[in-house]
Amino acid sequence: MNDRLPHEKGFHVSWDQLHRDARALAWRLDGKGPDAGAWRAIVAITRGGMAPAMIVARELDVRTVDTISVKSYDNQSQSEAVVLKSPNAELMGDGTGILIVDDLADTGRTLAVVRNLYPNAHFATVYSKPHGCGQVDTYITEVSQDTWIFFPWDMALQYVEPYRGT
């Protein structure tokens, strides 16, 4: 019998690991933009996409960076995705040449909302779960759907029980 809560099957990501994985994402995206391989702009999905987007923008030398704010979680409970803040409409158009970056594609609902707004954008995440993969064009690491990813901005150093208990 498993007494473990769903979020206890955790994948802990350190700042170092996030940085390495975001750089790997940038390398995978290098030369893939529609303008002689370049991207016109990067749009981070807040809040989780901001750190990876910053790293990708630096690695690919993209100076135009904006955000779209989509709320789809209350703590660890997922809810309906709602756009709270949109990027510059003139910059975005239909998304052509725009690289949209997030930390994770979980169910894909957040990305589906954004993809509906910008159908020609390229969607990239550092991590993806099986239900979210269909909304992502490029990602680095896939984890199982029942894995909870603990990002470095969500963690503090503390003791953790071993996976199989004591």
Protein backbone atom coordinates (compact mmCIF):
# COMPACT_ATOMS: atom_id res chain seq x y z
CA MET A 1 0.00 0.00 0.00
CA ASN A 2 1.22 3.49 -0.82
CA ASP A 3 0.43 6.23 1.71
CA ARG A 4 2.32 8.79 -0.37
CA LEU A 5 0.52 11.93 -1.55
CA PRO A 6 0.78 12.66 -5.31
CA HIS A 7 3.16 15.58 -4.78
CA GLU A 8 5.50 13.38 -2.70
CA LYS A 9 6.84 11.70 -5.85
CA GLY A 10 9.09 14.68 -6.24
CA PHE A 11 11.67 15.75 -8.78
CA HIS A 12 13.81 18.39 -7.09
CA VAL A 13 15.46 20.90 -9.39
CA SER A 14 18.33 23.02 -8.07
CA TRP A 15 19.30 26.42 -9.47
CA ASP A 16 22.37 24.78 -11.06
CA GLN A 17 20.25 22.09 -12.71
CA LEU A 18 17.69 24.61 -13.96
CA HIS A 19 20.48 26.72 -15.43
CA ARG A 20 22.06 23.72 -17.20
CA ASP A 21 18.70 22.56 -18.54
CA ALA A 22 17.68 26.05 -19.71
CA ARG A 23 21.02 26.39 -21.52
CA ALA A 24 20.41 23.00 -23.15
CA LEU A 25 17.01 24.31 -24.25
CA ALA A 26 18.67 27.36 -25.78
CA TRP A 27 21.18 25.19 -27.64
CA ARG A 28 18.33 23.07 -29.00
CA LEU A 29 16.54 26.24 -30.19
CA ASP A 30 19.62 27.89 -31.68
CA GLY A 31 19.15 28.53 -35.38
CA LYS A 32 15.56 27.27 -35.38
CA GLY A 33 13.85 30.68 -35.61
CA PRO A 34 12.13 31.71 -38.86
CA ASP A 35 14.32 34.77 -39.51
CA ALA A 36 17.55 33.16 -40.77
CA GLY A 37 17.43 31.04 -37.62
CA ALA A 38 16.82 33.98 -35.28
CA TRP A 39 13.86 34.69 -33.01
CA ARG A 40 12.16 38.12 -33.06
CA ALA A 41 11.39 38.00 -29.34
CA ILE A 42 11.02 35.76 -26.33
CA VAL A 43 7.89 35.76 -24.20
CA ALA A 44 8.08 34.21 -20.75
CA ILE A 45 4.99 32.69 -19.19
CA THR A 46 5.02 34.08 -15.67
CA ARG A 47 6.09 33.19 -13.17
CA GLY A 48 7.83 29.89 -13.82
CA GLY A 49 8.99 30.74 -17.33
CA MET A 50 10.86 33.90 -16.32
CA ALA A 51 14.13 32.29 -15.16
CA PRO A 52 14.42 29.90 -18.13
CA ALA A 53 13.43 32.69 -20.57
CA MET A 54 16.17 34.94 -19.18
CA ILE A 55 18.76 32.22 -19.67
CA VAL A 56 17.51 31.35 -23.17
CA ALA A 57 17.47 35.05 -24.13
CA ARG A 58 21.06 35.46 -22.95
CA GLU A 59 22.28 32.33 -24.73
CA LEU A 60 20.56 33.22 -28.01
CA ASP A 61 21.30 36.97 -27.75
CA VAL A 62 17.63 37.92 -27.97
CA ARG A 63 17.13 41.42 -26.53
CA THR A 64 13.35 41.74 -26.86
CA VAL A 65 11.75 39.92 -23.95
CA ASP A 66 8.16 40.26 -22.74
CA THR A 67 5.82 38.32 -20.48
CA ILE A 68 2.37 36.82 -20.51
CA SER A 69 0.83 36.17 -17.13
CA VAL A 70 -1.39 33.10 -16.95
CA LYS A 71 -2.77 31.86 -13.67
CA SER A 72 -3.60 28.17 -13.60
CA TYR A 73 -2.54 27.08 -10.10
CA ASP A 74 -3.45 27.96 -6.54
CA ASN A 75 -0.57 26.46 -4.58
CA GLN A 76 -0.60 22.83 -5.79
CA SER A 77 -4.19 22.79 -7.11
CA GLN A 78 -4.70 23.37 -10.82
CA SER A 79 -7.65 25.49 -11.95
CA GLU A 80 -8.94 27.06 -15.17
CA ALA A 81 -6.19 29.04 -16.95
CA VAL A 82 -6.83 32.78 -17.06
CA VAL A 83 -4.68 35.42 -18.84
CA LEU A 84 -3.92 38.22 -16.35
CA LYS A 85 -1.46 40.22 -18.52
CA SER A 86 -0.73 39.99 -22.23
CA PRO A 87 2.47 40.92 -24.06
CA ASN A 88 2.70 43.82 -26.50
CA ALA A 89 0.08 43.14 -29.22
CA GLU A 90 2.10 44.85 -31.97
CA LEU A 91 5.12 42.71 -31.16
CA MET A 92 3.13 39.48 -31.00
CA GLY A 93 0.92 39.45 -34.08
CA ASP A 94 0.01 35.79 -34.65
CA GLY A 95 3.21 34.68 -32.90
CA THR A 96 5.41 34.25 -35.98
CA GLY A 97 9.04 34.48 -34.91
CA ILE A 98 8.14 34.52 -31.22
CA LEU A 99 9.60 31.99 -28.80
CA ILE A 100 7.33 31.36 -25.82
CA VAL A 101 9.13 29.85 -22.82
CA ASP A 102 7.80 28.21 -19.67
CA ASP A 103 9.30 26.01 -17.00
CA LEU A 104 6.88 23.09 -17.34
CA ALA A 105 4.11 21.70 -19.52
CA ASP A 106 1.96 19.80 -17.02
CA THR A 107 -1.52 19.20 -18.41
CA GLY A 108 -0.91 21.56 -21.34
CA ARG A 109 -3.87 23.79 -20.42
CA THR A 110 -1.81 26.92 -19.83
CA LEU A 111 0.06 26.47 -23.09
CA ALA A 112 -3.19 25.74 -24.96
CA VAL A 113 -4.59 29.10 -23.83
CA VAL A 114 -1.47 30.91 -25.02
CA ARG A 115 -1.23 28.87 -28.25
CA ASN A 116 -4.82 29.84 -29.02
CA LEU A 117 -3.76 33.51 -28.83
CA TYR A 118 -0.51 33.08 -30.80
CA PRO A 119 -0.89 30.01 -33.05
CA ASN A 120 2.35 30.55 -35.00
CA ALA A 121 4.62 30.98 -31.97
CA HIS A 122 7.14 28.31 -31.03
CA PHE A 123 6.51 26.85 -27.55
CA ALA A 124 9.45 25.64 -25.48
CA THR A 125 9.60 24.33 -21.93
CA VAL A 126 12.43 23.00 -19.85
CA TYR A 127 10.35 20.11 -18.49
CA SER A 128 7.24 18.34 -19.75
CA LYS A 129 4.79 15.72 -18.57
CA PRO A 130 3.02 13.36 -20.99
CA HIS A 131 -0.30 15.26 -20.94
CA GLY A 132 1.49 18.51 -21.77
CA CYS A 133 3.82 17.25 -24.50
CA GLY A 134 1.26 17.86 -27.25
CA GLN A 135 1.34 21.61 -26.58
CA VAL A 136 5.14 21.91 -26.62
CA ASP A 137 7.31 22.20 -29.72
CA THR A 138 10.63 21.81 -27.86
CA TYR A 139 11.48 20.59 -24.37
CA ILE A 140 14.47 19.07 -22.58
CA THR A 141 13.26 16.56 -19.97
CA GLU A 142 10.06 14.55 -19.66
CA VAL A 143 8.87 13.31 -16.28
CA SER A 144 5.90 11.09 -15.43
CA GLN A 145 2.50 12.72 -15.02
CA ASP A 146 2.37 11.84 -11.31
CA THR A 147 5.69 13.53 -10.54
CA TRP A 148 5.61 16.90 -8.77
CA ILE A 149 8.51 19.11 -9.84
CA PHE A 150 9.94 21.21 -7.03
CA PHE A 151 11.57 24.27 -8.60
CA PRO A 152 14.33 26.13 -6.78
CA TRP A 153 12.13 29.19 -6.16
CA ASP A 154 9.69 26.94 -4.26
CA MET A 155 12.17 25.24 -1.93
CA ALA A 156 14.08 25.71 1.29
CA LEU A 157 16.75 23.42 2.64
CA GLN A 158 15.28 20.84 5.00
CA TYR A 159 15.27 17.14 5.79
CA VAL A 160 13.26 14.92 3.40
CA GLU A 161 12.05 11.38 4.12
CA PRO A 162 13.61 8.72 1.86
CA TYR A 163 11.45 7.68 -1.09
CA ARG A 164 10.62 4.29 0.47
CA GLY A 165 10.20 5.70 3.97
CA THR A 166 12.29 5.04 7.04
